[in-house]
Amino acid sequence: MHYIWKFKKLPTSQLSTEEGENITLISIGTHNRNAGPDFLNAQLRIGEQHWAGNVEIHLKSSDWYLHNHEKDPAYNNVILHVVWEHDVEVFNQSNVAIPTLVLKDRVKEETLTTYQQFLHQKTGFINCEKSINTIDEFLRKRWLERLFFERLASKSAFIDQELEDATQDWEAVLFKMLMKNFGLKVNADAFHDIACHLPFSVVRKNKDNLFALEALLFGVSGLLEGESVDTYFTTLKKEYTYLKKKYQLTNSSVAVQFFKLRPSNFPTIRLSQIAALYHKESSLFQQLMQAKSPAALYELFQVSASTYWDTHYTFDKESKTQRKKKLTRNFIDLLIVNTVVPLKFCYAKSKGEDANEALLKLIEGVKKEENTIISSFENTGLLPSSALESQGLLQLYNNYCTKNKCLQCEIGVKLMG
């Protein structure tokens, strides 16, 4: 019903109310996705009278009473009730009759068939998987760009909350976000909890001492609990015991996980790498905000775990081979997409600046993500060329495709004609 009204899938030149008055559509109004009437600020001519107000849509007229609209002042400005089937007269809170438009005999059968086939076909991925690759490239790119910024806006709520918790300390927020994203999916919550238990002011005071930073991160994480004959472990534990008392720290209550992780993603390696990052860069937030290209960001994130980890992945057990555990290009790309770009977006917004063009240029230089959702889109014939498009596709899938919001998707609307 919303689809029919919104895209005028009805003979607009032959409309009339149930009372027999001609209807001229001047403006169908704005689709309202929040509480209240379905379409706001519509303009119609009913008979000889020009009306401006809202439009409510139901399957049956009696749904008006089922939803208690006759008692709700928000519906007093409804100027037209659009229904599929008319079974009762309706009145607003002021007992004024609402004109009714019935669609049942006005909509072409092929319109209904196309809609039903599109939204209710059995698919393995998304409704339009067999036809999405036919969409004009310009429309697709424009829509994915909008979805990219929609995704950034949705991430802003998390950053705004972190800012409030950190009393507007952007460096502290960066630390929490980096910790969360260094943990990847498996240890994201655990690493974020470590950052919550380790005030950034303590990190800031100890950034010149790599050993102290490692002791703080390993200690708060709980990885220094227990006993070991490993000299590095015992020395770290002794350092953390001192720092814990000095700064009155408490350990995280969320245990880090090793299970099903590749050794390069073990929490021991990732915590040592983030310690190295903060030891290397004295003003990390400022430098990240000033960086304008992926190349500049790759340079900033060129760090490795400390030398102990050249021959270890966990305490005690020495590995057979020796190699530097540095941040890979793929991992840095994830940090750019999930930490740097959202922070740049929010920071610019907080200063009243428009950084959209700069962000587009930056994200277009980052390689697309590799995951099952992106792979499924590629199987339909869509081949994202950068992280800009893969981020747009993730937003499309999670917020439109999985929720059957095809009518709110530019691709869906185009495919339904």
Protein backbone atom coordinates (compact mmCIF):
# COMPACT_ATOMS: atom_id res chain seq x y z
CA MET A 1 0.00 0.00 0.00
CA HIS A 2 2.83 2.39 0.87
CA TYR A 3 4.59 1.40 -2.37
CA ILE A 4 1.46 2.10 -4.43
CA TRP A 5 0.92 5.51 -2.87
CA LYS A 6 4.54 6.61 -2.71
CA PHE A 7 5.29 5.80 -6.35
CA LYS A 8 1.82 6.60 -7.68
CA LYS A 9 1.15 3.09 -8.96
CA LEU A 10 -2.49 3.99 -9.61
CA PRO A 11 -4.42 6.00 -12.23
CA THR A 12 -3.95 9.45 -10.69
CA SER A 13 -6.25 11.19 -13.17
CA GLN A 14 -9.33 9.17 -12.22
CA LEU A 15 -9.38 9.28 -8.45
CA SER A 16 -12.39 10.01 -6.25
CA THR A 17 -13.38 9.55 -2.64
CA GLU A 18 -16.03 7.05 -1.53
CA GLU A 19 -18.33 10.07 -1.24
CA GLY A 20 -17.87 10.74 -4.98
CA GLU A 21 -15.64 13.84 -4.85
CA ASN A 22 -12.78 14.06 -7.35
CA ILE A 23 -9.23 13.88 -5.96
CA THR A 24 -6.27 15.65 -7.57
CA LEU A 25 -2.83 14.67 -6.26
CA ILE A 26 -0.61 17.73 -5.95
CA SER A 27 1.94 16.17 -3.58
CA ILE A 28 1.77 12.69 -2.02
CA GLY A 29 3.77 13.96 0.98
CA THR A 30 6.88 12.71 2.76
CA HIS A 31 7.07 9.06 3.82
CA ASN A 32 7.07 9.02 7.64
CA ARG A 33 9.05 6.14 9.15
CA ASN A 34 8.41 7.27 12.73
CA ALA A 35 5.26 7.35 14.85
CA GLY A 36 2.27 9.20 13.41
CA PRO A 37 0.53 9.34 10.02
CA ASP A 38 2.20 7.47 7.15
CA PHE A 39 2.75 10.44 4.80
CA LEU A 40 3.29 13.97 6.08
CA ASN A 41 2.64 17.34 4.44
CA ALA A 42 0.68 16.07 1.46
CA GLN A 43 -1.30 18.42 -0.76
CA LEU A 44 -4.56 17.39 -2.45
CA ARG A 45 -7.54 18.92 -4.11
CA ILE A 46 -10.75 17.20 -3.03
CA GLY A 47 -13.70 18.56 -4.95
CA GLU A 48 -13.07 22.29 -5.14
CA GLN A 49 -11.12 22.48 -1.88
CA HIS A 50 -7.30 22.56 -1.67
CA TRP A 51 -6.09 20.57 1.34
CA ALA A 52 -2.68 20.42 3.04
CA GLY A 53 -2.08 17.79 5.69
CA ASN A 54 -1.27 14.13 6.26
CA VAL A 55 -2.29 10.83 4.68
CA GLU A 56 -2.91 7.60 6.61
CA ILE A 57 -2.85 4.18 4.92
CA HIS A 58 -4.55 0.96 6.06
CA LEU A 59 -5.66 -2.33 4.54
CA LYS A 60 -9.18 -1.81 5.91
CA SER A 61 -10.91 1.36 7.03
CA SER A 62 -11.71 -0.28 10.37
CA ASP A 63 -7.96 -0.47 11.12
CA TRP A 64 -8.30 3.22 11.98
CA TYR A 65 -10.21 2.20 15.11
CA LEU A 66 -8.09 -0.90 15.69
CA HIS A 67 -5.10 1.42 16.09
CA ASN A 68 -7.07 3.96 18.19
CA HIS A 69 -6.41 6.84 15.79
CA GLU A 70 -9.79 8.37 16.67
CA LYS A 71 -8.37 9.12 20.14
CA ASP A 72 -4.98 10.39 18.99
CA PRO A 73 -4.55 14.14 18.30
CA ALA A 74 -1.59 13.31 16.03
CA TYR A 75 -4.16 12.13 13.46
CA ASN A 76 -6.41 15.22 13.57
CA ASN A 77 -4.63 16.65 10.52
CA VAL A 78 -5.22 13.58 8.31
CA ILE A 79 -6.84 14.82 5.10
CA LEU A 80 -7.21 11.46 3.33
CA HIS A 81 -7.54 7.85 4.45
CA VAL A 82 -6.15 5.49 1.78
CA VAL A 83 -7.37 1.90 2.14
CA TRP A 84 -7.51 -1.32 0.15
CA GLU A 85 -10.99 -2.15 1.38
CA HIS A 86 -13.61 0.21 2.83
CA ASP A 87 -15.71 -1.35 5.57
CA VAL A 88 -16.61 1.57 7.88
CA GLU A 89 -16.68 5.37 7.98
CA VAL A 90 -13.91 6.91 10.09
CA PHE A 91 -13.76 10.08 12.20
CA ASN A 92 -10.92 11.90 13.92
CA GLN A 93 -10.76 13.00 17.56
CA SER A 94 -12.90 16.06 16.77
CA ASN A 95 -15.58 13.79 15.22
CA VAL A 96 -14.81 15.09 11.72
CA ALA A 97 -15.26 12.53 8.93
CA ILE A 98 -12.08 11.62 7.00
CA PRO A 99 -12.41 11.31 3.18
CA THR A 100 -11.54 7.78 1.99
CA LEU A 101 -9.79 6.58 -1.17
CA VAL A 102 -10.19 2.87 -1.96
CA LEU A 103 -7.44 1.24 -4.04
CA LYS A 104 -8.80 -2.29 -4.45
CA ASP A 105 -10.17 -1.84 -7.99
CA ARG A 106 -7.71 0.86 -9.10
CA VAL A 107 -4.37 -0.98 -9.10
CA LYS A 108 -3.18 -3.09 -12.02
CA GLU A 109 -2.77 -6.80 -11.35
CA GLU A 110 0.76 -6.72 -12.78
CA THR A 111 1.78 -4.10 -10.21
CA LEU A 112 0.72 -6.41 -7.39
CA THR A 113 2.35 -9.42 -9.03
CA THR A 114 5.67 -7.62 -9.54
CA TYR A 115 5.68 -6.43 -5.95
CA GLN A 116 4.81 -9.86 -4.52
CA GLN A 117 7.37 -11.67 -6.65
CA PHE A 118 10.09 -9.21 -5.72
CA LEU A 119 9.54 -9.18 -1.97
CA HIS A 120 8.48 -12.75 -1.37
CA GLN A 121 10.61 -14.81 -3.72
CA LYS A 122 12.64 -17.56 -2.12
CA THR A 123 16.29 -16.59 -2.29
CA GLY A 124 19.52 -17.68 -0.71
CA PHE A 125 20.80 -14.14 -0.12
CA ILE A 126 18.70 -11.05 -0.95
CA ASN A 127 15.43 -10.40 -2.77
CA CYS A 128 17.04 -8.85 -5.84
CA GLU A 129 20.09 -11.09 -6.13
CA LYS A 130 19.17 -12.15 -9.68
CA SER A 131 18.71 -8.61 -10.97
CA ILE A 132 20.82 -6.25 -8.83
CA ASN A 133 23.70 -6.41 -11.30
CA THR A 134 21.47 -4.84 -13.98
CA ILE A 135 21.31 -1.54 -12.09
CA ASP A 136 22.91 1.46 -13.76
CA GLU A 137 26.43 2.01 -12.38
CA PHE A 138 25.86 5.72 -11.67
CA LEU A 139 22.74 5.00 -9.59
CA ARG A 140 24.49 2.17 -7.74
CA LYS A 141 27.57 4.26 -6.90
CA ARG A 142 25.47 7.24 -5.79
CA TRP A 143 23.35 5.02 -3.54
CA LEU A 144 26.35 3.24 -2.01
CA GLU A 145 27.95 6.60 -1.29
CA ARG A 146 24.83 7.69 0.57
CA LEU A 147 24.80 4.38 2.46
CA PHE A 148 28.46 4.88 3.42
CA PHE A 149 27.62 8.18 5.10
CA GLU A 150 24.50 6.63 6.65
CA ARG A 151 26.77 3.97 8.16
CA LEU A 152 29.11 6.65 9.49
CA ALA A 153 26.18 8.50 11.04
CA SER A 154 25.02 5.33 12.78
CA LYS A 155 28.50 4.89 14.27
CA SER A 156 28.38 8.44 15.60
CA ALA A 157 26.07 7.44 18.45
CA PHE A 158 28.73 5.11 19.87
CA ILE A 159 31.43 7.78 19.54
CA ASP A 160 29.21 10.45 21.09
CA GLN A 161 28.59 8.19 24.09
CA GLU A 162 32.31 7.48 24.43
CA LEU A 163 33.01 11.23 24.30
CA GLU A 164 30.51 11.87 27.04
CA ASP A 165 32.06 9.14 29.20
CA ALA A 166 35.54 10.56 28.54
CA THR A 167 34.48 14.17 29.24
CA GLN A 168 35.19 15.18 25.63
CA ASP A 169 38.73 13.77 25.60
CA TRP A 170 39.16 12.75 21.95
CA GLU A 171 42.46 10.97 22.63
CA ALA A 172 40.78 8.79 25.25
CA VAL A 173 38.00 7.93 22.78
CA LEU A 174 40.59 7.02 20.14
CA PHE A 175 42.27 4.67 22.64
CA LYS A 176 38.99 2.89 23.39
CA MET A 177 38.09 2.55 19.72
CA LEU A 178 41.54 1.29 18.77
CA MET A 179 41.43 -1.23 21.60
CA LYS A 180 38.01 -2.46 20.49
CA ASN A 181 39.11 -2.84 16.88
CA PHE A 182 42.49 -4.36 17.73
CA GLY A 183 40.47 -7.09 19.43
CA LEU A 184 38.63 -7.83 16.19
CA LYS A 185 35.31 -9.64 16.48
CA VAL A 186 36.37 -12.28 19.03
CA ASN A 187 38.04 -9.96 21.55
CA ALA A 188 36.35 -6.64 20.75
CA ASP A 189 34.34 -6.56 23.99
CA ALA A 190 37.25 -7.80 26.11
CA PHE A 191 39.68 -5.23 24.68
CA HIS A 192 37.13 -2.44 25.09
CA ASP A 193 36.64 -3.47 28.71
CA ILE A 194 40.41 -3.34 29.23
CA ALA A 195 40.36 0.24 27.92
CA CYS A 196 37.52 1.06 30.32
CA HIS A 197 39.56 -0.26 33.28
CA LEU A 198 42.78 1.43 32.16
CA PRO A 199 42.29 5.22 32.15
CA PHE A 200 43.94 6.86 29.17
CA SER A 201 45.57 9.33 31.54
CA VAL A 202 47.65 6.39 32.84
CA VAL A 203 48.56 5.37 29.27
CA ARG A 204 49.54 8.96 28.54
CA LYS A 205 51.82 9.12 31.59
CA ASN A 206 53.62 5.89 30.65
CA LYS A 207 53.83 6.21 26.86
CA ASP A 208 57.61 6.76 26.95
CA ASN A 209 58.11 3.37 28.61
CA LEU A 210 57.15 0.47 26.32
CA PHE A 211 57.69 -2.12 29.04
CA ALA A 212 55.33 -0.26 31.40
CA LEU A 213 52.67 0.00 28.68
CA GLU A 214 52.85 -3.74 28.06
CA ALA A 215 52.69 -4.44 31.80
CA LEU A 216 49.59 -2.26 32.11
CA LEU A 217 47.76 -3.84 29.16
CA PHE A 218 48.70 -7.43 29.99
CA GLY A 219 48.01 -6.87 33.68
CA VAL A 220 44.56 -5.27 33.32
CA SER A 221 43.63 -7.96 30.79
CA GLY A 222 44.29 -10.68 33.38
CA LEU A 223 47.02 -12.30 31.29
CA LEU A 224 49.53 -11.93 34.13
CA GLU A 225 47.48 -13.95 36.58
CA GLY A 226 48.98 -17.18 37.83
CA GLU A 227 52.61 -18.26 37.96
CA SER A 228 55.26 -18.86 35.30
CA VAL A 229 58.96 -19.63 35.01
CA ASP A 230 59.14 -17.29 32.01
CA THR A 231 61.45 -14.38 32.93
CA TYR A 232 59.58 -11.86 30.76
CA PHE A 233 56.26 -12.86 32.34
CA THR A 234 57.56 -12.56 35.91
CA THR A 235 59.21 -9.20 35.21
CA LEU A 236 56.00 -7.84 33.63
CA LYS A 237 53.98 -9.11 36.57
CA LYS A 238 56.29 -7.39 39.06
CA GLU A 239 55.98 -4.12 37.09
CA TYR A 240 52.20 -4.37 36.92
CA THR A 241 51.94 -5.08 40.66
CA TYR A 242 53.71 -1.77 41.26
CA LEU A 243 51.68 0.18 38.66
CA LYS A 244 48.38 -1.34 39.78
CA LYS A 245 48.94 -0.08 43.31
CA LYS A 246 50.27 3.28 42.12
CA TYR A 247 47.24 4.05 39.92
CA GLN A 248 44.69 2.02 41.92
CA LEU A 249 43.75 -0.10 38.92
CA THR A 250 41.33 -3.02 38.74
CA ASN A 251 41.47 -5.87 36.26
CA SER A 252 39.00 -6.32 33.43
CA SER A 253 36.13 -8.70 34.15
CA VAL A 254 35.91 -9.91 30.52
CA ALA A 255 38.35 -12.69 29.69
CA VAL A 256 40.33 -12.49 26.45
CA GLN A 257 39.99 -15.42 24.06
CA PHE A 258 42.57 -17.44 22.12
CA PHE A 259 40.23 -20.15 20.84
CA LYS A 260 39.76 -20.32 17.03
CA LEU A 261 42.09 -17.36 16.46
CA ARG A 262 45.06 -17.38 14.15
CA PRO A 263 48.27 -16.93 16.18
CA SER A 264 48.85 -13.50 14.60
CA ASN A 265 45.54 -12.38 16.13
CA PHE A 266 46.25 -13.73 19.63
CA PRO A 267 45.46 -11.10 22.27
CA THR A 268 49.08 -11.22 23.46
CA ILE A 269 50.31 -10.07 20.04
CA ARG A 270 47.62 -7.42 19.56
CA LEU A 271 48.13 -5.90 23.03
CA SER A 272 51.88 -5.68 22.48
CA GLN A 273 51.30 -4.00 19.09
CA ILE A 274 48.99 -1.34 20.53
CA ALA A 275 51.53 -0.71 23.29
CA ALA A 276 54.16 -0.21 20.57
CA LEU A 277 51.85 2.18 18.71
CA TYR A 278 51.35 4.46 21.71
CA HIS A 279 55.04 4.27 22.54
CA LYS A 280 55.96 5.29 18.99
CA GLU A 281 53.49 8.16 18.44
CA SER A 282 53.43 11.00 20.95
CA SER A 283 50.32 12.72 19.56
CA LEU A 284 48.48 9.93 17.78
CA PHE A 285 45.03 11.52 17.62
CA GLN A 286 46.31 14.75 16.10
CA GLN A 287 48.39 12.91 13.52
CA LEU A 288 45.50 10.65 12.51
CA MET A 289 43.19 13.64 12.09
CA GLN A 290 45.77 15.41 9.92
CA ALA A 291 46.52 12.38 7.73
CA LYS A 292 44.88 12.77 4.33
CA SER A 293 45.83 9.58 2.52
CA PRO A 294 46.00 5.85 3.16
CA ALA A 295 49.78 6.05 2.64
CA ALA A 296 50.13 8.51 5.53
CA LEU A 297 48.04 6.25 7.75
CA TYR A 298 50.01 3.15 6.79
CA GLU A 299 53.15 4.98 7.91
CA LEU A 300 51.62 5.92 11.27
CA PHE A 301 50.54 2.34 11.93
CA GLN A 302 53.94 0.82 11.04
CA VAL A 303 54.57 -0.88 14.38
CA SER A 304 55.53 -4.35 15.59
CA ALA A 305 55.09 -6.25 18.83
CA SER A 306 58.11 -6.05 21.17
CA THR A 307 61.12 -8.31 20.58
CA TYR A 308 59.97 -10.99 23.05
CA TRP A 309 57.12 -11.76 20.67
CA ASP A 310 59.49 -12.36 17.76
CA THR A 311 59.82 -15.88 19.16
CA HIS A 312 56.53 -16.22 21.06
CA TYR A 313 52.76 -16.09 20.55
CA THR A 314 51.97 -16.85 24.19
CA PHE A 315 53.96 -16.66 27.42
CA ASP A 316 56.22 -19.64 28.20
CA LYS A 317 55.95 -21.40 24.83
CA GLU A 318 58.67 -20.44 22.35
CA SER A 319 57.80 -20.75 18.66
CA LYS A 320 59.91 -22.68 16.18
CA THR A 321 60.43 -19.71 13.86
CA GLN A 322 61.42 -16.13 14.54
CA ARG A 323 59.74 -13.16 12.89
CA LYS A 324 58.58 -9.63 13.61
CA LYS A 325 54.86 -9.43 14.44
CA LYS A 326 54.06 -6.18 12.62
CA LEU A 327 50.66 -4.79 11.69
CA THR A 328 49.72 -5.99 8.20
CA ARG A 329 48.27 -3.79 5.46
CA ASN A 330 44.92 -5.64 5.70
CA PHE A 331 44.73 -5.08 9.44
CA ILE A 332 45.57 -1.38 9.06
CA ASP A 333 42.80 -1.11 6.44
CA LEU A 334 40.34 -2.39 9.06
CA LEU A 335 41.59 0.22 11.53
CA ILE A 336 41.15 2.96 8.93
CA VAL A 337 37.60 1.88 8.10
CA ASN A 338 36.39 1.18 11.64
CA THR A 339 38.34 3.69 13.73
CA VAL A 340 40.01 6.48 11.78
CA VAL A 341 37.27 7.38 9.29
CA PRO A 342 34.39 7.39 11.84
CA LEU A 343 36.48 9.54 14.21
CA LYS A 344 37.40 11.96 11.42
CA PHE A 345 33.71 12.22 10.52
CA CYS A 346 32.65 12.97 14.11
CA TYR A 347 35.56 15.28 14.82
CA ALA A 348 34.83 17.40 11.74
CA LYS A 349 31.15 17.51 12.70
CA SER A 350 32.04 18.67 16.22
CA LYS A 351 34.01 21.57 14.70
CA GLY A 352 31.23 22.47 12.26
CA GLU A 353 33.32 21.43 9.26
CA ASP A 354 32.32 19.44 6.19
CA ALA A 355 34.88 16.67 5.66
CA ASN A 356 32.77 14.54 3.32
CA GLU A 357 34.86 15.01 0.19
CA ALA A 358 38.10 14.33 2.06
CA LEU A 359 36.61 11.20 3.63
CA LEU A 360 35.43 9.93 0.26
CA LYS A 361 38.88 10.44 -1.21
CA LEU A 362 40.45 8.64 1.75
CA ILE A 363 38.10 5.64 1.87
CA GLU A 364 38.24 5.18 -1.93
CA GLY A 365 41.97 4.53 -1.52
CA VAL A 366 41.39 1.65 0.89
CA LYS A 367 40.89 -1.91 -0.32
CA LYS A 368 37.44 -3.47 0.07
CA GLU A 369 36.79 -5.77 3.04
CA GLU A 370 36.76 -9.53 2.65
CA ASN A 371 33.86 -11.24 4.42
CA THR A 372 30.93 -13.52 3.66
CA ILE A 373 28.49 -10.66 2.98
CA ILE A 374 30.79 -8.99 0.45
CA SER A 375 31.52 -12.37 -1.16
CA SER A 376 27.77 -12.97 -1.52
CA PHE A 377 27.33 -9.60 -3.25
CA GLU A 378 30.21 -10.47 -5.57
CA ASN A 379 28.38 -13.68 -6.48
CA THR A 380 25.47 -11.53 -7.73
CA GLY A 381 27.82 -9.70 -10.10
CA LEU A 382 28.50 -6.63 -7.94
CA LEU A 383 32.23 -6.11 -7.56
CA PRO A 384 33.05 -3.36 -5.01
CA SER A 385 36.14 -1.45 -6.04
CA SER A 386 37.06 -0.01 -2.62
CA ALA A 387 36.14 0.14 1.06
CA LEU A 388 33.69 2.92 0.18
CA GLU A 389 31.54 0.49 -1.80
CA SER A 390 32.01 -2.49 0.53
CA GLN A 391 30.97 -0.33 3.52
CA GLY A 392 27.93 0.80 1.54
CA LEU A 393 27.06 -2.82 0.74
CA LEU A 394 27.33 -3.82 4.40
CA GLN A 395 24.93 -1.00 5.31
CA LEU A 396 22.62 -2.04 2.48
CA TYR A 397 22.54 -5.67 3.57
CA ASN A 398 22.19 -5.12 7.34
CA ASN A 399 19.71 -2.23 7.28
CA TYR A 400 17.68 -2.83 4.11
CA CYS A 401 18.03 -6.31 2.58
CA THR A 402 17.65 -8.32 5.79
CA LYS A 403 14.68 -6.17 6.85
CA ASN A 404 12.85 -6.29 3.50
CA LYS A 405 13.09 -2.49 3.22
CA CYS A 406 13.19 -2.63 -0.57
CA LEU A 407 10.86 0.37 -0.84
CA GLN A 408 13.39 2.48 1.04
CA CYS A 409 16.26 1.30 -1.16
CA GLU A 410 17.01 3.15 -4.41
CA ILE A 411 18.01 -0.12 -6.06
CA GLY A 412 14.82 -1.89 -4.94
CA VAL A 413 12.62 0.98 -6.11
CA LYS A 414 14.36 1.06 -9.49
CA LEU A 415 14.00 -2.70 -10.00
CA MET A 416 10.29 -2.63 -9.14
CA GLY A 417 9.77 0.01 -11.78
